[in-house]
Amino acid sequence: MNTKQKIVIVVVDALVFAELFYSIMQGKENPEYITPIFFQNFIPLVLITLILGKILVKRLRAESE
């Protein structure tokens, strides 16, 4: 794993943490519906982030070979 790939992984981890924080804060505003609000925010954001992260790691691996 090269340095660029490691940087992508660190950025993806930070984004997932930020998305988790955002989803919790959105759910906290309306405690009655915290679970559906959390999942409606968190799941799509994390899926997009992880898919893009995987694509970037693969693309960066192809450049180093």
PDB file of N, CA and C in Angstrom:
ATOM      1  N   MET A   1       0.855  -1.169   0.000  1.00  0.00           N
ATOM      2  CA  MET A   1       0.000   0.000   0.000  1.00  0.00           C
ATOM      3  C   MET A   1       0.904   1.237   0.000  1.00  0.00           C
ATOM      4  N   ASN A   2       0.670   2.120  -0.952  1.00  0.00           N
ATOM      5  CA  ASN A   2       1.511   3.307  -1.044  1.00  0.00           C
ATOM      6  C   ASN A   2       0.956   4.447  -0.189  1.00  0.00           C
ATOM      7  N   THR A   3       1.693   5.550  -0.158  1.00  0.00           N
ATOM      8  CA  THR A   3       1.347   6.677   0.714  1.00  0.00           C
ATOM      9  C   THR A   3       0.016   7.318   0.317  1.00  0.00           C
ATOM     10  N   LYS A   4      -0.240   7.434  -0.971  1.00  0.00           N
ATOM     11  CA  LYS A   4      -1.496   8.050  -1.423  1.00  0.00           C
ATOM     12  C   LYS A   4      -2.698   7.223  -0.975  1.00  0.00           C
ATOM     13  N   GLN A   5      -2.574   5.913  -1.036  1.00  0.00           N
ATOM     14  CA  GLN A   5      -3.658   5.044  -0.586  1.00  0.00           C
ATOM     15  C   GLN A   5      -3.894   5.205   0.917  1.00  0.00           C
ATOM     16  N   LYS A   6      -2.828   5.325   1.677  1.00  0.00           N
ATOM     17  CA  LYS A   6      -2.958   5.513   3.124  1.00  0.00           C
ATOM     18  C   LYS A   6      -3.654   6.836   3.433  1.00  0.00           C
ATOM     19  N   ILE A   7      -3.338   7.870   2.677  1.00  0.00           N
ATOM     20  CA  ILE A   7      -3.984   9.162   2.875  1.00  0.00           C
ATOM     21  C   ILE A   7      -5.477   9.062   2.590  1.00  0.00           C
ATOM     22  N   VAL A   8      -5.840   8.344   1.516  1.00  0.00           N
ATOM     23  CA  VAL A   8      -7.257   8.162   1.178  1.00  0.00           C
ATOM     24  C   VAL A   8      -7.980   7.447   2.310  1.00  0.00           C
ATOM     25  N   ILE A   9      -7.365   6.444   2.884  1.00  0.00           N
ATOM     26  CA  ILE A   9      -7.991   5.687   3.976  1.00  0.00           C
ATOM     27  C   ILE A   9      -8.192   6.571   5.206  1.00  0.00           C
ATOM     28  N   VAL A  10      -7.216   7.403   5.530  1.00  0.00           N
ATOM     29  CA  VAL A  10      -7.344   8.308   6.672  1.00  0.00           C
ATOM     30  C   VAL A  10      -8.469   9.311   6.424  1.00  0.00           C
ATOM     31  N   VAL A  11      -8.555   9.842   5.207  1.00  0.00           N
ATOM     32  CA  VAL A  11      -9.614  10.805   4.877  1.00  0.00           C
ATOM     33  C   VAL A  11     -10.980  10.132   4.935  1.00  0.00           C
ATOM     34  N   VAL A  12     -11.095   8.917   4.422  1.00  0.00           N
ATOM     35  CA  VAL A  12     -12.364   8.192   4.469  1.00  0.00           C
ATOM     36  C   VAL A  12     -12.772   7.938   5.920  1.00  0.00           C
ATOM     37  N   ASP A  13     -11.825   7.557   6.762  1.00  0.00           N
ATOM     38  CA  ASP A  13     -12.134   7.352   8.184  1.00  0.00           C
ATOM     39  C   ASP A  13     -12.639   8.636   8.837  1.00  0.00           C
ATOM     40  N   ALA A  14     -11.993   9.759   8.527  1.00  0.00           N
ATOM     41  CA  ALA A  14     -12.417  11.037   9.091  1.00  0.00           C
ATOM     42  C   ALA A  14     -13.809  11.410   8.592  1.00  0.00           C
ATOM     43  N   LEU A  15     -14.095  11.156   7.321  1.00  0.00           N
ATOM     44  CA  LEU A  15     -15.415  11.455   6.776  1.00  0.00           C
ATOM     45  C   LEU A  15     -16.499  10.600   7.420  1.00  0.00           C
ATOM     46  N   VAL A  16     -16.213   9.324   7.640  1.00  0.00           N
ATOM     47  CA  VAL A  16     -17.191   8.444   8.292  1.00  0.00           C
ATOM     48  C   VAL A  16     -17.467   8.941   9.712  1.00  0.00           C
ATOM     49  N   PHE A  17     -16.421   9.371  10.416  1.00  0.00           N
ATOM     50  CA  PHE A  17     -16.614   9.922  11.754  1.00  0.00           C
ATOM     51  C   PHE A  17     -17.469  11.187  11.705  1.00  0.00           C
ATOM     52  N   ALA A  18     -17.201  12.066  10.745  1.00  0.00           N
ATOM     53  CA  ALA A  18     -17.981  13.304  10.604  1.00  0.00           C
ATOM     54  C   ALA A  18     -19.437  12.996  10.242  1.00  0.00           C
ATOM     55  N   GLU A  19     -19.652  11.999   9.385  1.00  0.00           N
ATOM     56  CA  GLU A  19     -21.011  11.607   9.010  1.00  0.00           C
ATOM     57  C   GLU A  19     -21.760  11.030  10.202  1.00  0.00           C
ATOM     58  N   LEU A  20     -21.067  10.265  11.019  1.00  0.00           N
ATOM     59  CA  LEU A  20     -21.674   9.726  12.234  1.00  0.00           C
ATOM     60  C   LEU A  20     -22.085  10.858  13.164  1.00  0.00           C
ATOM     61  N   PHE A  21     -21.195  11.803  13.366  1.00  0.00           N
ATOM     62  CA  PHE A  21     -21.488  12.959  14.219  1.00  0.00           C
ATOM     63  C   PHE A  21     -22.677  13.745  13.670  1.00  0.00           C
ATOM     64  N   TYR A  22     -22.689  14.009  12.369  1.00  0.00           N
ATOM     65  CA  TYR A  22     -23.779  14.749  11.740  1.00  0.00           C
ATOM     66  C   TYR A  22     -25.112  14.020  11.925  1.00  0.00           C
ATOM     67  N   SER A  23     -25.115  12.712  11.710  1.00  0.00           N
ATOM     68  CA  SER A  23     -26.353  11.936  11.820  1.00  0.00           C
ATOM     69  C   SER A  23     -26.887  11.918  13.244  1.00  0.00           C
ATOM     70  N   ILE A  24     -25.983  11.809  14.201  1.00  0.00           N
ATOM     71  CA  ILE A  24     -26.411  11.822  15.596  1.00  0.00           C
ATOM     72  C   ILE A  24     -26.990  13.188  15.959  1.00  0.00           C
ATOM     73  N   MET A  25     -26.351  14.252  15.508  1.00  0.00           N
ATOM     74  CA  MET A  25     -26.836  15.599  15.824  1.00  0.00           C
ATOM     75  C   MET A  25     -28.197  15.872  15.172  1.00  0.00           C
ATOM     76  N   GLN A  26     -28.406  15.376  13.964  1.00  0.00           N
ATOM     77  CA  GLN A  26     -29.692  15.553  13.305  1.00  0.00           C
ATOM     78  C   GLN A  26     -30.787  14.787  14.054  1.00  0.00           C
ATOM     79  N   GLY A  27     -30.474  13.594  14.504  1.00  0.00           N
ATOM     80  CA  GLY A  27     -31.442  12.808  15.255  1.00  0.00           C
ATOM     81  C   GLY A  27     -31.726  13.381  16.630  1.00  0.00           C
ATOM     82  N   LYS A  28     -30.739  14.036  17.192  1.00  0.00           N
ATOM     83  CA  LYS A  28     -30.889  14.609  18.537  1.00  0.00           C
ATOM     84  C   LYS A  28     -31.884  15.769  18.554  1.00  0.00           C
ATOM     85  N   GLU A  29     -32.041  16.451  17.427  1.00  0.00           N
ATOM     86  CA  GLU A  29     -32.981  17.580  17.362  1.00  0.00           C
ATOM     87  C   GLU A  29     -34.428  17.127  17.533  1.00  0.00           C
ATOM     88  N   ASN A  30     -34.724  15.898  17.142  1.00  0.00           N
ATOM     89  CA  ASN A  30     -36.076  15.367  17.265  1.00  0.00           C
ATOM     90  C   ASN A  30     -35.980  13.986  17.917  1.00  0.00           C
ATOM     91  N   PRO A  31     -35.857  13.925  19.250  1.00  0.00           N
ATOM     92  CA  PRO A  31     -35.602  12.660  19.942  1.00  0.00           C
ATOM     93  C   PRO A  31     -36.665  11.586  19.724  1.00  0.00           C
ATOM     94  N   GLU A  32     -37.853  11.998  19.351  1.00  0.00           N
ATOM     95  CA  GLU A  32     -38.923  11.034  19.138  1.00  0.00           C
ATOM     96  C   GLU A  32     -38.627  10.119  17.950  1.00  0.00           C
ATOM     97  N   TYR A  33     -37.935  10.651  16.951  1.00  0.00           N
ATOM     98  CA  TYR A  33     -37.644   9.905  15.715  1.00  0.00           C
ATOM     99  C   TYR A  33     -36.146   9.768  15.472  1.00  0.00           C
ATOM    100  N   ILE A  34     -35.381   9.602  16.546  1.00  0.00           N
ATOM    101  CA  ILE A  34     -33.923   9.592  16.403  1.00  0.00           C
ATOM    102  C   ILE A  34     -33.431   8.428  15.533  1.00  0.00           C
ATOM    103  N   THR A  35     -34.001   7.259  15.684  1.00  0.00           N
ATOM    104  CA  THR A  35     -33.520   6.108  14.917  1.00  0.00           C
ATOM    105  C   THR A  35     -33.774   6.246  13.426  1.00  0.00           C
ATOM    106  N   PRO A  36     -34.992   6.542  12.974  1.00  0.00           N
ATOM    107  CA  PRO A  36     -35.182   6.678  11.523  1.00  0.00           C
ATOM    108  C   PRO A  36     -34.397   7.845  10.923  1.00  0.00           C
ATOM    109  N   ILE A  37     -34.295   8.947  11.650  1.00  0.00           N
ATOM    110  CA  ILE A  37     -33.523  10.085  11.141  1.00  0.00           C
ATOM    111  C   ILE A  37     -32.055   9.714  11.034  1.00  0.00           C
ATOM    112  N   PHE A  38     -31.550   9.035  12.053  1.00  0.00           N
ATOM    113  CA  PHE A  38     -30.145   8.615  12.038  1.00  0.00           C
ATOM    114  C   PHE A  38     -29.861   7.726  10.832  1.00  0.00           C
ATOM    115  N   PHE A  39     -30.689   6.712  10.635  1.00  0.00           N
ATOM    116  CA  PHE A  39     -30.432   5.792   9.533  1.00  0.00           C
ATOM    117  C   PHE A  39     -30.662   6.426   8.165  1.00  0.00           C
ATOM    118  N   GLN A  40     -31.612   7.333   8.054  1.00  0.00           N
ATOM    119  CA  GLN A  40     -31.840   8.011   6.777  1.00  0.00           C
ATOM    120  C   GLN A  40     -30.657   8.897   6.405  1.00  0.00           C
ATOM    121  N   ASN A  41     -29.976   9.440   7.379  1.00  0.00           N
ATOM    122  CA  ASN A  41     -28.807  10.276   7.107  1.00  0.00           C
ATOM    123  C   ASN A  41     -27.532   9.454   6.973  1.00  0.00           C
ATOM    124  N   PHE A  42     -27.311   8.551   7.899  1.00  0.00           N
ATOM    125  CA  PHE A  42     -26.020   7.875   8.001  1.00  0.00           C
ATOM    126  C   PHE A  42     -25.779   6.847   6.899  1.00  0.00           C
ATOM    127  N   ILE A  43     -26.730   5.974   6.654  1.00  0.00           N
ATOM    128  CA  ILE A  43     -26.522   4.879   5.706  1.00  0.00           C
ATOM    129  C   ILE A  43     -26.163   5.374   4.298  1.00  0.00           C
ATOM    130  N   PRO A  44     -26.931   6.288   3.693  1.00  0.00           N
ATOM    131  CA  PRO A  44     -26.541   6.739   2.347  1.00  0.00           C
ATOM    132  C   PRO A  44     -25.193   7.451   2.316  1.00  0.00           C
ATOM    133  N   LEU A  45     -24.920   8.280   3.317  1.00  0.00           N
ATOM    134  CA  LEU A  45     -23.650   8.994   3.341  1.00  0.00           C
ATOM    135  C   LEU A  45     -22.473   8.035   3.450  1.00  0.00           C
ATOM    136  N   VAL A  46     -22.586   7.056   4.332  1.00  0.00           N
ATOM    137  CA  VAL A  46     -21.487   6.112   4.523  1.00  0.00           C
ATOM    138  C   VAL A  46     -21.298   5.225   3.291  1.00  0.00           C
ATOM    139  N   LEU A  47     -22.390   4.783   2.694  1.00  0.00           N
ATOM    140  CA  LEU A  47     -22.251   3.956   1.494  1.00  0.00           C
ATOM    141  C   LEU A  47     -21.530   4.708   0.379  1.00  0.00           C
ATOM    142  N   ILE A  48     -21.910   5.953   0.156  1.00  0.00           N
ATOM    143  CA  ILE A  48     -21.254   6.745  -0.888  1.00  0.00           C
ATOM    144  C   ILE A  48     -19.780   6.945  -0.557  1.00  0.00           C
ATOM    145  N   THR A  49     -19.484   7.265   0.686  1.00  0.00           N
ATOM    146  CA  THR A  49     -18.098   7.495   1.096  1.00  0.00           C
ATOM    147  C   THR A  49     -17.255   6.237   0.937  1.00  0.00           C
ATOM    148  N   LEU A  50     -17.770   5.100   1.362  1.00  0.00           N
ATOM    149  CA  LEU A  50     -17.002   3.860   1.274  1.00  0.00           C
ATOM    150  C   LEU A  50     -16.801   3.419  -0.173  1.00  0.00           C
ATOM    151  N   ILE A  51     -17.812   3.567  -0.995  1.00  0.00           N
ATOM    152  CA  ILE A  51     -17.678   3.192  -2.409  1.00  0.00           C
ATOM    153  C   ILE A  51     -16.653   4.077  -3.108  1.00  0.00           C
ATOM    154  N   LEU A  52     -16.744   5.389  -2.886  1.00  0.00           N
ATOM    155  CA  LEU A  52     -15.765   6.294  -3.494  1.00  0.00           C
ATOM    156  C   LEU A  52     -14.357   6.042  -2.961  1.00  0.00           C
ATOM    157  N   GLY A  53     -14.242   5.743  -1.677  1.00  0.00           N
ATOM    158  CA  GLY A  53     -12.942   5.420  -1.103  1.00  0.00           C
ATOM    159  C   GLY A  53     -12.342   4.172  -1.716  1.00  0.00           C
ATOM    160  N   LYS A  54     -13.157   3.158  -1.920  1.00  0.00           N
ATOM    161  CA  LYS A  54     -12.675   1.922  -2.528  1.00  0.00           C
ATOM    162  C   LYS A  54     -12.226   2.161  -3.968  1.00  0.00           C
ATOM    163  N   ILE A  55     -12.988   2.957  -4.706  1.00  0.00           N
ATOM    164  CA  ILE A  55     -12.625   3.281  -6.089  1.00  0.00           C
ATOM    165  C   ILE A  55     -11.289   4.027  -6.121  1.00  0.00           C
ATOM    166  N   LEU A  56     -11.129   4.998  -5.220  1.00  0.00           N
ATOM    167  CA  LEU A  56      -9.879   5.763  -5.190  1.00  0.00           C
ATOM    168  C   LEU A  56      -8.681   4.900  -4.825  1.00  0.00           C
ATOM    169  N   VAL A  57      -8.849   4.015  -3.856  1.00  0.00           N
ATOM    170  CA  VAL A  57      -7.741   3.135  -3.465  1.00  0.00           C
ATOM    171  C   VAL A  57      -7.349   2.233  -4.627  1.00  0.00           C
ATOM    172  N   LYS A  58      -8.332   1.692  -5.347  1.00  0.00           N
ATOM    173  CA  LYS A  58      -8.024   0.843  -6.498  1.00  0.00           C
ATOM    174  C   LYS A  58      -7.338   1.636  -7.599  1.00  0.00           C
ATOM    175  N   ARG A  59      -7.828   2.847  -7.859  1.00  0.00           N
ATOM    176  CA  ARG A  59      -7.242   3.677  -8.911  1.00  0.00           C
ATOM    177  C   ARG A  59      -5.794   4.045  -8.563  1.00  0.00           C
ATOM    178  N   LEU A  60      -5.535   4.345  -7.322  1.00  0.00           N
ATOM    179  CA  LEU A  60      -4.186   4.695  -6.898  1.00  0.00           C
ATOM    180  C   LEU A  60      -3.259   3.474  -6.919  1.00  0.00           C
ATOM    181  N   ARG A  61      -3.818   2.298  -6.694  1.00  0.00           N
ATOM    182  CA  ARG A  61      -3.018   1.086  -6.775  1.00  0.00           C
ATOM    183  C   ARG A  61      -2.608   0.818  -8.219  1.00  0.00           C
ATOM    184  N   ALA A  62      -3.502   1.070  -9.170  1.00  0.00           N
ATOM    185  CA  ALA A  62      -3.218   0.833 -10.566  1.00  0.00           C
ATOM    186  C   ALA A  62      -2.117   1.755 -11.059  1.00  0.00           C
ATOM    187  N   GLU A  63      -2.028   2.974 -10.516  1.00  0.00           N
ATOM    188  CA  GLU A  63      -0.974   3.892 -10.920  1.00  0.00           C
ATOM    189  C   GLU A  63       0.384   3.433 -10.417  1.00  0.00           C
ATOM    190  N   SER A  64       0.448   2.798  -9.279  1.00  0.00           N
ATOM    191  CA  SER A  64       1.735   2.411  -8.705  1.00  0.00           C
ATOM    192  C   SER A  64       2.287   1.117  -9.296  1.00  0.00           C
ATOM    193  N   GLU A  65       1.467   0.332  -9.975  1.00  0.00           N
ATOM    194  CA  GLU A  65       1.935  -0.944 -10.535  1.00  0.00           C
ATOM    195  C   GLU A  65       2.579  -0.781 -11.874  1.00  0.00           C
TER     196      GLU A  65
END
